[in-house]
Amino acid sequence: MELLTTLKTVHILATVLLLGSALGLAIWTWQARRKGDTAAPTRLLQRPLMFVWIVMGICLLSMPVSGWWLVHLVGWPLGQTWVLGSSVIYTVGAFSWFWLLARVNRLRTAPTVGNPKFTLALAVFSGVCFIAIAGLMGAKPV
């Protein structure tokens, strides 16, 4: 398979896996909270769900590399507004995702510490960042 096609596939797969895993975790948490399960945050980082967090982390680490490589192969200048904007949004979204991971881990060890509404806001903000990046990747406004 051609390198450009392979990189596009890897980049799109990482994006889909990241957003799909985040959506799956959100739905699982929402359903557990809706049923009145107060122990849902403590189970969020247990062994089976840890796999989902690891997959999301690998996707987060692979996306800048494959994205830069794609931009380099296609020959787009790095100074384009949509490339710079998506880089800034990615940086903010990745930092918020790592902060979210730390907060969820703290909720697992000490469920009464912290504000769950802020954790939810952080999760929504991170999700919106990555959806905006996917929109910029799809539209590629020049």
N, C-alpha and C. Protein backbone atom coordinates (compact mmCIF):
# COMPACT_ATOMS: atom_id res chain seq x y z
N MET A 1 0.85 -1.17 0.00
CA MET A 1 0.00 0.00 0.00
C MET A 1 0.90 1.24 0.00
N GLU A 2 0.45 2.24 -0.67
CA GLU A 2 1.20 3.48 -0.76
C GLU A 2 1.31 4.14 0.62
N LEU A 3 2.44 4.80 0.87
CA LEU A 3 2.69 5.40 2.18
C LEU A 3 1.65 6.45 2.55
N LEU A 4 1.27 7.29 1.60
CA LEU A 4 0.29 8.34 1.89
C LEU A 4 -1.06 7.74 2.28
N THR A 5 -1.50 6.72 1.57
CA THR A 5 -2.76 6.06 1.89
C THR A 5 -2.69 5.38 3.26
N THR A 6 -1.55 4.76 3.54
CA THR A 6 -1.38 4.11 4.84
C THR A 6 -1.42 5.14 5.97
N LEU A 7 -0.74 6.25 5.79
CA LEU A 7 -0.74 7.29 6.83
C LEU A 7 -2.13 7.89 7.02
N LYS A 8 -2.85 8.12 5.94
CA LYS A 8 -4.22 8.63 6.06
C LYS A 8 -5.08 7.64 6.85
N THR A 9 -4.93 6.35 6.54
CA THR A 9 -5.71 5.33 7.22
C THR A 9 -5.37 5.29 8.71
N VAL A 10 -4.09 5.35 9.04
CA VAL A 10 -3.66 5.32 10.44
C VAL A 10 -4.18 6.56 11.17
N HIS A 11 -4.08 7.72 10.54
CA HIS A 11 -4.51 8.97 11.16
C HIS A 11 -6.01 8.98 11.39
N ILE A 12 -6.76 8.55 10.40
CA ILE A 12 -8.23 8.51 10.54
C ILE A 12 -8.64 7.45 11.55
N LEU A 13 -7.97 6.31 11.54
CA LEU A 13 -8.28 5.25 12.51
C LEU A 13 -8.00 5.72 13.94
N ALA A 14 -6.90 6.44 14.14
CA ALA A 14 -6.59 6.97 15.47
C ALA A 14 -7.66 7.96 15.92
N THR A 15 -8.13 8.79 15.00
CA THR A 15 -9.17 9.76 15.34
C THR A 15 -10.48 9.06 15.69
N VAL A 16 -10.86 8.08 14.89
CA VAL A 16 -12.10 7.34 15.14
C VAL A 16 -12.02 6.56 16.45
N LEU A 17 -10.88 5.91 16.70
CA LEU A 17 -10.71 5.17 17.95
C LEU A 17 -10.76 6.09 19.16
N LEU A 18 -10.13 7.25 19.05
CA LEU A 18 -10.13 8.21 20.16
C LEU A 18 -11.54 8.69 20.47
N LEU A 19 -12.24 9.15 19.45
CA LEU A 19 -13.59 9.66 19.66
C LEU A 19 -14.56 8.55 20.04
N GLY A 20 -14.41 7.37 19.45
CA GLY A 20 -15.29 6.25 19.78
C GLY A 20 -15.08 5.76 21.21
N SER A 21 -13.82 5.69 21.65
CA SER A 21 -13.54 5.28 23.02
C SER A 21 -14.09 6.29 24.02
N ALA A 22 -13.90 7.57 23.71
CA ALA A 22 -14.42 8.61 24.59
C ALA A 22 -15.94 8.55 24.66
N LEU A 23 -16.58 8.34 23.52
CA LEU A 23 -18.04 8.24 23.50
C LEU A 23 -18.51 7.02 24.27
N GLY A 24 -17.80 5.90 24.12
CA GLY A 24 -18.16 4.69 24.86
C GLY A 24 -18.05 4.88 26.36
N LEU A 25 -16.96 5.51 26.81
CA LEU A 25 -16.81 5.79 28.24
C LEU A 25 -17.89 6.73 28.74
N ALA A 26 -18.22 7.73 27.93
CA ALA A 26 -19.25 8.69 28.34
C ALA A 26 -20.61 8.01 28.46
N ILE A 27 -20.95 7.18 27.50
CA ILE A 27 -22.24 6.47 27.55
C ILE A 27 -22.28 5.52 28.73
N TRP A 28 -21.19 4.79 28.97
CA TRP A 28 -21.14 3.86 30.10
C TRP A 28 -21.33 4.60 31.42
N THR A 29 -20.63 5.72 31.57
CA THR A 29 -20.73 6.50 32.81
C THR A 29 -22.13 7.09 32.96
N TRP A 30 -22.68 7.61 31.88
CA TRP A 30 -24.03 8.21 31.93
C TRP A 30 -25.07 7.17 32.33
N GLN A 31 -24.98 5.97 31.74
CA GLN A 31 -25.95 4.93 32.08
C GLN A 31 -25.79 4.48 33.53
N ALA A 32 -24.56 4.38 33.99
CA ALA A 32 -24.34 3.96 35.38
C ALA A 32 -24.87 5.02 36.34
N ARG A 33 -24.65 6.29 36.04
CA ARG A 33 -25.15 7.35 36.92
C ARG A 33 -26.68 7.43 36.87
N ARG A 34 -27.23 7.15 35.71
CA ARG A 34 -28.69 7.19 35.55
C ARG A 34 -29.36 6.10 36.37
N LYS A 35 -28.69 4.97 36.49
CA LYS A 35 -29.23 3.86 37.28
C LYS A 35 -29.01 4.08 38.77
N GLY A 36 -28.32 5.16 39.14
CA GLY A 36 -28.09 5.45 40.55
C GLY A 36 -26.84 4.81 41.11
N ASP A 37 -25.96 4.35 40.25
CA ASP A 37 -24.73 3.71 40.68
C ASP A 37 -23.72 4.79 41.07
N THR A 38 -23.50 4.96 42.36
CA THR A 38 -22.57 5.99 42.82
C THR A 38 -21.12 5.52 42.77
N ALA A 39 -20.89 4.24 42.56
CA ALA A 39 -19.53 3.71 42.50
C ALA A 39 -18.98 3.69 41.08
N ALA A 40 -19.69 4.28 40.12
CA ALA A 40 -19.23 4.28 38.73
C ALA A 40 -17.87 4.93 38.56
N PRO A 41 -17.59 6.08 39.17
CA PRO A 41 -16.26 6.67 38.99
C PRO A 41 -15.13 5.80 39.54
N THR A 42 -15.40 5.02 40.57
CA THR A 42 -14.34 4.17 41.12
C THR A 42 -14.04 3.00 40.19
N ARG A 43 -14.99 2.59 39.38
CA ARG A 43 -14.78 1.49 38.44
C ARG A 43 -14.29 1.99 37.08
N LEU A 44 -14.22 3.30 36.88
CA LEU A 44 -13.89 3.84 35.56
C LEU A 44 -12.47 3.52 35.14
N LEU A 45 -11.56 3.32 36.07
CA LEU A 45 -10.17 3.02 35.71
C LEU A 45 -9.76 1.60 36.09
N GLN A 46 -10.72 0.71 36.26
CA GLN A 46 -10.36 -0.67 36.55
C GLN A 46 -9.82 -1.33 35.29
N ARG A 47 -9.39 -2.53 35.42
CA ARG A 47 -8.64 -3.21 34.38
C ARG A 47 -9.28 -3.20 32.98
N PRO A 48 -10.52 -3.60 32.77
CA PRO A 48 -11.05 -3.58 31.40
C PRO A 48 -11.14 -2.17 30.81
N LEU A 49 -11.52 -1.23 31.63
CA LEU A 49 -11.63 0.14 31.12
C LEU A 49 -10.27 0.80 30.98
N MET A 50 -9.27 0.29 31.69
CA MET A 50 -7.92 0.81 31.55
C MET A 50 -7.44 0.62 30.11
N PHE A 51 -7.86 -0.48 29.47
CA PHE A 51 -7.50 -0.72 28.08
C PHE A 51 -8.00 0.41 27.19
N VAL A 52 -9.21 0.89 27.44
CA VAL A 52 -9.78 1.98 26.66
C VAL A 52 -8.96 3.25 26.86
N TRP A 53 -8.57 3.54 28.10
CA TRP A 53 -7.75 4.73 28.37
C TRP A 53 -6.39 4.61 27.69
N ILE A 54 -5.81 3.40 27.67
CA ILE A 54 -4.52 3.20 27.01
C ILE A 54 -4.66 3.39 25.50
N VAL A 55 -5.72 2.86 24.91
CA VAL A 55 -5.96 3.04 23.48
C VAL A 55 -6.10 4.53 23.16
N MET A 56 -6.84 5.24 24.01
CA MET A 56 -7.00 6.68 23.79
C MET A 56 -5.66 7.40 23.88
N GLY A 57 -4.82 7.00 24.83
CA GLY A 57 -3.50 7.62 24.97
C GLY A 57 -2.61 7.35 23.78
N ILE A 58 -2.61 6.12 23.27
CA ILE A 58 -1.81 5.79 22.10
C ILE A 58 -2.29 6.59 20.89
N CYS A 59 -3.60 6.72 20.75
CA CYS A 59 -4.14 7.53 19.65
C CYS A 59 -3.70 8.98 19.78
N LEU A 60 -3.75 9.52 20.99
CA LEU A 60 -3.31 10.90 21.21
C LEU A 60 -1.85 11.10 20.86
N LEU A 61 -1.02 10.12 21.14
CA LEU A 61 0.41 10.25 20.85
C LEU A 61 0.71 10.04 19.37
N SER A 62 -0.08 9.22 18.69
CA SER A 62 0.21 8.95 17.28
C SER A 62 -0.33 10.03 16.33
N MET A 63 -1.35 10.74 16.77
CA MET A 63 -1.97 11.71 15.85
C MET A 63 -1.05 12.86 15.45
N PRO A 64 -0.26 13.47 16.32
CA PRO A 64 0.61 14.55 15.85
C PRO A 64 1.69 14.05 14.89
N VAL A 65 2.20 12.85 15.14
CA VAL A 65 3.25 12.30 14.28
C VAL A 65 2.69 12.01 12.89
N SER A 66 1.59 11.28 12.84
CA SER A 66 1.02 10.94 11.54
C SER A 66 0.48 12.19 10.84
N GLY A 67 -0.05 13.15 11.59
CA GLY A 67 -0.54 14.39 10.98
C GLY A 67 0.58 15.21 10.38
N TRP A 68 1.69 15.34 11.11
CA TRP A 68 2.81 16.10 10.56
C TRP A 68 3.37 15.40 9.32
N TRP A 69 3.47 14.08 9.38
CA TRP A 69 4.00 13.32 8.27
C TRP A 69 3.08 13.49 7.04
N LEU A 70 1.77 13.47 7.25
CA LEU A 70 0.83 13.68 6.14
C LEU A 70 1.01 15.07 5.53
N VAL A 71 1.10 16.08 6.36
CA VAL A 71 1.28 17.45 5.87
C VAL A 71 2.58 17.54 5.08
N HIS A 72 3.62 16.89 5.58
CA HIS A 72 4.92 16.90 4.90
C HIS A 72 4.85 16.19 3.55
N LEU A 73 4.20 15.01 3.51
CA LEU A 73 4.12 14.25 2.25
C LEU A 73 3.28 14.98 1.20
N VAL A 74 2.17 15.57 1.62
CA VAL A 74 1.29 16.26 0.67
C VAL A 74 1.94 17.55 0.19
N GLY A 75 2.74 18.18 1.06
CA GLY A 75 3.42 19.41 0.68
C GLY A 75 2.71 20.67 1.11
N TRP A 76 1.80 20.56 2.05
CA TRP A 76 1.13 21.75 2.56
C TRP A 76 2.09 22.52 3.45
N PRO A 77 2.07 23.83 3.37
CA PRO A 77 2.92 24.61 4.29
C PRO A 77 2.35 24.56 5.71
N LEU A 78 3.23 24.48 6.68
CA LEU A 78 2.79 24.40 8.07
C LEU A 78 2.19 25.72 8.56
N GLY A 79 2.34 26.78 7.78
CA GLY A 79 1.80 28.07 8.17
C GLY A 79 0.35 28.29 7.79
N GLN A 80 -0.31 27.29 7.19
CA GLN A 80 -1.73 27.46 6.87
C GLN A 80 -2.53 27.59 8.15
N THR A 81 -3.56 28.42 8.08
CA THR A 81 -4.35 28.73 9.27
C THR A 81 -4.98 27.48 9.87
N TRP A 82 -5.53 26.60 9.04
CA TRP A 82 -6.21 25.42 9.58
C TRP A 82 -5.22 24.44 10.20
N VAL A 83 -3.98 24.37 9.69
CA VAL A 83 -2.98 23.49 10.29
C VAL A 83 -2.52 24.06 11.64
N LEU A 84 -2.26 25.37 11.67
CA LEU A 84 -1.86 26.01 12.93
C LEU A 84 -2.99 25.95 13.96
N GLY A 85 -4.21 26.23 13.50
CA GLY A 85 -5.36 26.20 14.41
C GLY A 85 -5.59 24.81 14.99
N SER A 86 -5.49 23.79 14.14
CA SER A 86 -5.69 22.43 14.66
C SER A 86 -4.56 22.02 15.59
N SER A 87 -3.35 22.53 15.36
CA SER A 87 -2.23 22.23 16.27
C SER A 87 -2.46 22.85 17.64
N VAL A 88 -2.94 24.09 17.66
CA VAL A 88 -3.22 24.76 18.93
C VAL A 88 -4.37 24.06 19.65
N ILE A 89 -5.44 23.76 18.90
CA ILE A 89 -6.58 23.06 19.50
C ILE A 89 -6.16 21.69 20.01
N TYR A 90 -5.29 20.99 19.26
CA TYR A 90 -4.82 19.68 19.70
C TYR A 90 -4.05 19.79 21.01
N THR A 91 -3.17 20.78 21.10
CA THR A 91 -2.38 20.95 22.32
C THR A 91 -3.27 21.19 23.52
N VAL A 92 -4.24 22.09 23.38
CA VAL A 92 -5.15 22.38 24.49
C VAL A 92 -6.01 21.15 24.81
N GLY A 93 -6.51 20.47 23.78
CA GLY A 93 -7.34 19.28 24.00
C GLY A 93 -6.57 18.14 24.64
N ALA A 94 -5.30 17.94 24.24
CA ALA A 94 -4.49 16.87 24.82
C ALA A 94 -4.18 17.16 26.29
N PHE A 95 -3.83 18.42 26.59
CA PHE A 95 -3.58 18.77 27.99
C PHE A 95 -4.85 18.58 28.83
N SER A 96 -6.00 18.96 28.29
CA SER A 96 -7.24 18.78 29.05
C SER A 96 -7.57 17.30 29.21
N TRP A 97 -7.23 16.47 28.22
CA TRP A 97 -7.47 15.03 28.32
C TRP A 97 -6.59 14.44 29.42
N PHE A 98 -5.31 14.83 29.46
CA PHE A 98 -4.42 14.32 30.51
C PHE A 98 -4.87 14.80 31.89
N TRP A 99 -5.34 16.03 31.98
CA TRP A 99 -5.86 16.55 33.23
C TRP A 99 -7.11 15.76 33.64
N LEU A 100 -7.96 15.46 32.65
CA LEU A 100 -9.15 14.66 32.91
C LEU A 100 -8.76 13.28 33.42
N LEU A 101 -7.77 12.67 32.83
CA LEU A 101 -7.32 11.35 33.27
C LEU A 101 -6.84 11.40 34.72
N ALA A 102 -6.11 12.44 35.09
CA ALA A 102 -5.65 12.59 36.46
C ALA A 102 -6.83 12.79 37.42
N ARG A 103 -7.82 13.59 37.00
CA ARG A 103 -8.99 13.82 37.86
C ARG A 103 -9.82 12.55 38.04
N VAL A 104 -9.99 11.79 36.97
CA VAL A 104 -10.76 10.55 37.06
C VAL A 104 -10.03 9.53 37.93
N ASN A 105 -8.71 9.49 37.83
CA ASN A 105 -7.94 8.60 38.69
C ASN A 105 -8.07 9.02 40.15
N ARG A 106 -8.09 10.33 40.41
CA ARG A 106 -8.28 10.81 41.78
C ARG A 106 -9.69 10.46 42.27
N LEU A 107 -10.68 10.54 41.38
CA LEU A 107 -12.03 10.13 41.76
C LEU A 107 -12.10 8.65 42.10
N ARG A 108 -11.28 7.86 41.43
CA ARG A 108 -11.25 6.43 41.70
C ARG A 108 -10.68 6.14 43.09
N THR A 109 -9.64 6.86 43.46
CA THR A 109 -9.00 6.60 44.75
C THR A 109 -9.69 7.31 45.90
N ALA A 110 -10.22 8.51 45.65
CA ALA A 110 -10.91 9.27 46.70
C ALA A 110 -12.17 9.90 46.10
N PRO A 111 -13.29 9.16 46.09
CA PRO A 111 -14.49 9.62 45.39
C PRO A 111 -15.08 10.92 45.93
N THR A 112 -14.80 11.29 47.15
CA THR A 112 -15.41 12.50 47.70
C THR A 112 -14.60 13.76 47.42
N VAL A 113 -13.40 13.61 46.87
CA VAL A 113 -12.53 14.75 46.61
C VAL A 113 -12.82 15.29 45.22
N GLY A 114 -12.87 16.61 45.08
CA GLY A 114 -13.02 17.23 43.77
C GLY A 114 -14.47 17.51 43.41
N ASN A 115 -14.60 18.28 42.36
CA ASN A 115 -15.92 18.67 41.87
C ASN A 115 -16.26 17.86 40.62
N PRO A 116 -17.26 16.99 40.69
CA PRO A 116 -17.59 16.18 39.52
C PRO A 116 -18.10 17.01 38.34
N LYS A 117 -18.69 18.17 38.61
CA LYS A 117 -19.16 19.02 37.51
C LYS A 117 -17.98 19.57 36.71
N PHE A 118 -16.89 19.89 37.39
CA PHE A 118 -15.70 20.35 36.67
C PHE A 118 -15.10 19.23 35.85
N THR A 119 -15.11 18.01 36.38
CA THR A 119 -14.61 16.86 35.63
C THR A 119 -15.45 16.65 34.37
N LEU A 120 -16.76 16.78 34.49
CA LEU A 120 -17.64 16.67 33.33
C LEU A 120 -17.35 17.78 32.32
N ALA A 121 -17.17 19.00 32.81
CA ALA A 121 -16.87 20.12 31.91
C ALA A 121 -15.54 19.90 31.20
N LEU A 122 -14.57 19.35 31.90
CA LEU A 122 -13.28 19.06 31.29
C LEU A 122 -13.41 17.99 30.22
N ALA A 123 -14.23 16.98 30.47
CA ALA A 123 -14.45 15.93 29.47
C ALA A 123 -15.16 16.48 28.24
N VAL A 124 -16.17 17.31 28.45
CA VAL A 124 -16.89 17.89 27.32
C VAL A 124 -15.97 18.81 26.52
N PHE A 125 -15.16 19.62 27.21
CA PHE A 125 -14.24 20.53 26.54
C PHE A 125 -13.24 19.75 25.69
N SER A 126 -12.68 18.69 26.26
CA SER A 126 -11.72 17.88 25.52
C SER A 126 -12.37 17.23 24.30
N GLY A 127 -13.58 16.72 24.47
CA GLY A 127 -14.30 16.13 23.34
C GLY A 127 -14.59 17.13 22.25
N VAL A 128 -15.01 18.34 22.63
CA VAL A 128 -15.28 19.39 21.64
C VAL A 128 -14.01 19.76 20.89
N CYS A 129 -12.88 19.80 21.59
CA CYS A 129 -11.61 20.11 20.93
C CYS A 129 -11.30 19.09 19.83
N PHE A 130 -11.45 17.82 20.14
CA PHE A 130 -11.10 16.79 19.16
C PHE A 130 -12.13 16.69 18.04
N ILE A 131 -13.37 17.00 18.33
CA ILE A 131 -14.37 17.04 17.25
C ILE A 131 -14.09 18.23 16.32
N ALA A 132 -13.66 19.35 16.89
CA ALA A 132 -13.31 20.52 16.07
C ALA A 132 -12.10 20.20 15.18
N ILE A 133 -11.14 19.48 15.71
CA ILE A 133 -9.98 19.09 14.90
C ILE A 133 -10.40 18.17 13.77
N ALA A 134 -11.29 17.22 14.07
CA ALA A 134 -11.77 16.32 13.02
C ALA A 134 -12.51 17.12 11.95
N GLY A 135 -13.27 18.13 12.35
CA GLY A 135 -13.94 18.99 11.37
C GLY A 135 -12.94 19.77 10.52
N LEU A 136 -11.88 20.28 11.14
CA LEU A 136 -10.85 20.98 10.38
C LEU A 136 -10.11 20.04 9.42
N MET A 137 -9.87 18.81 9.87
CA MET A 137 -9.21 17.84 8.99
C MET A 137 -10.09 17.50 7.80
N GLY A 138 -11.39 17.39 8.04
CA GLY A 138 -12.31 17.06 6.95
C GLY A 138 -12.51 18.21 5.98
N ALA A 139 -12.62 19.42 6.51
CA ALA A 139 -12.90 20.58 5.64
C ALA A 139 -11.65 21.10 4.96
N LYS A 140 -10.52 21.06 5.63
CA LYS A 140 -9.25 21.58 5.13
C LYS A 140 -9.41 22.96 4.48
N PRO A 141 -9.95 23.94 5.22
CA PRO A 141 -10.08 25.27 4.61
C PRO A 141 -8.71 25.88 4.39
N VAL A 142 -8.50 26.40 3.21
CA VAL A 142 -7.17 26.95 2.87
C VAL A 142 -7.15 28.43 3.08
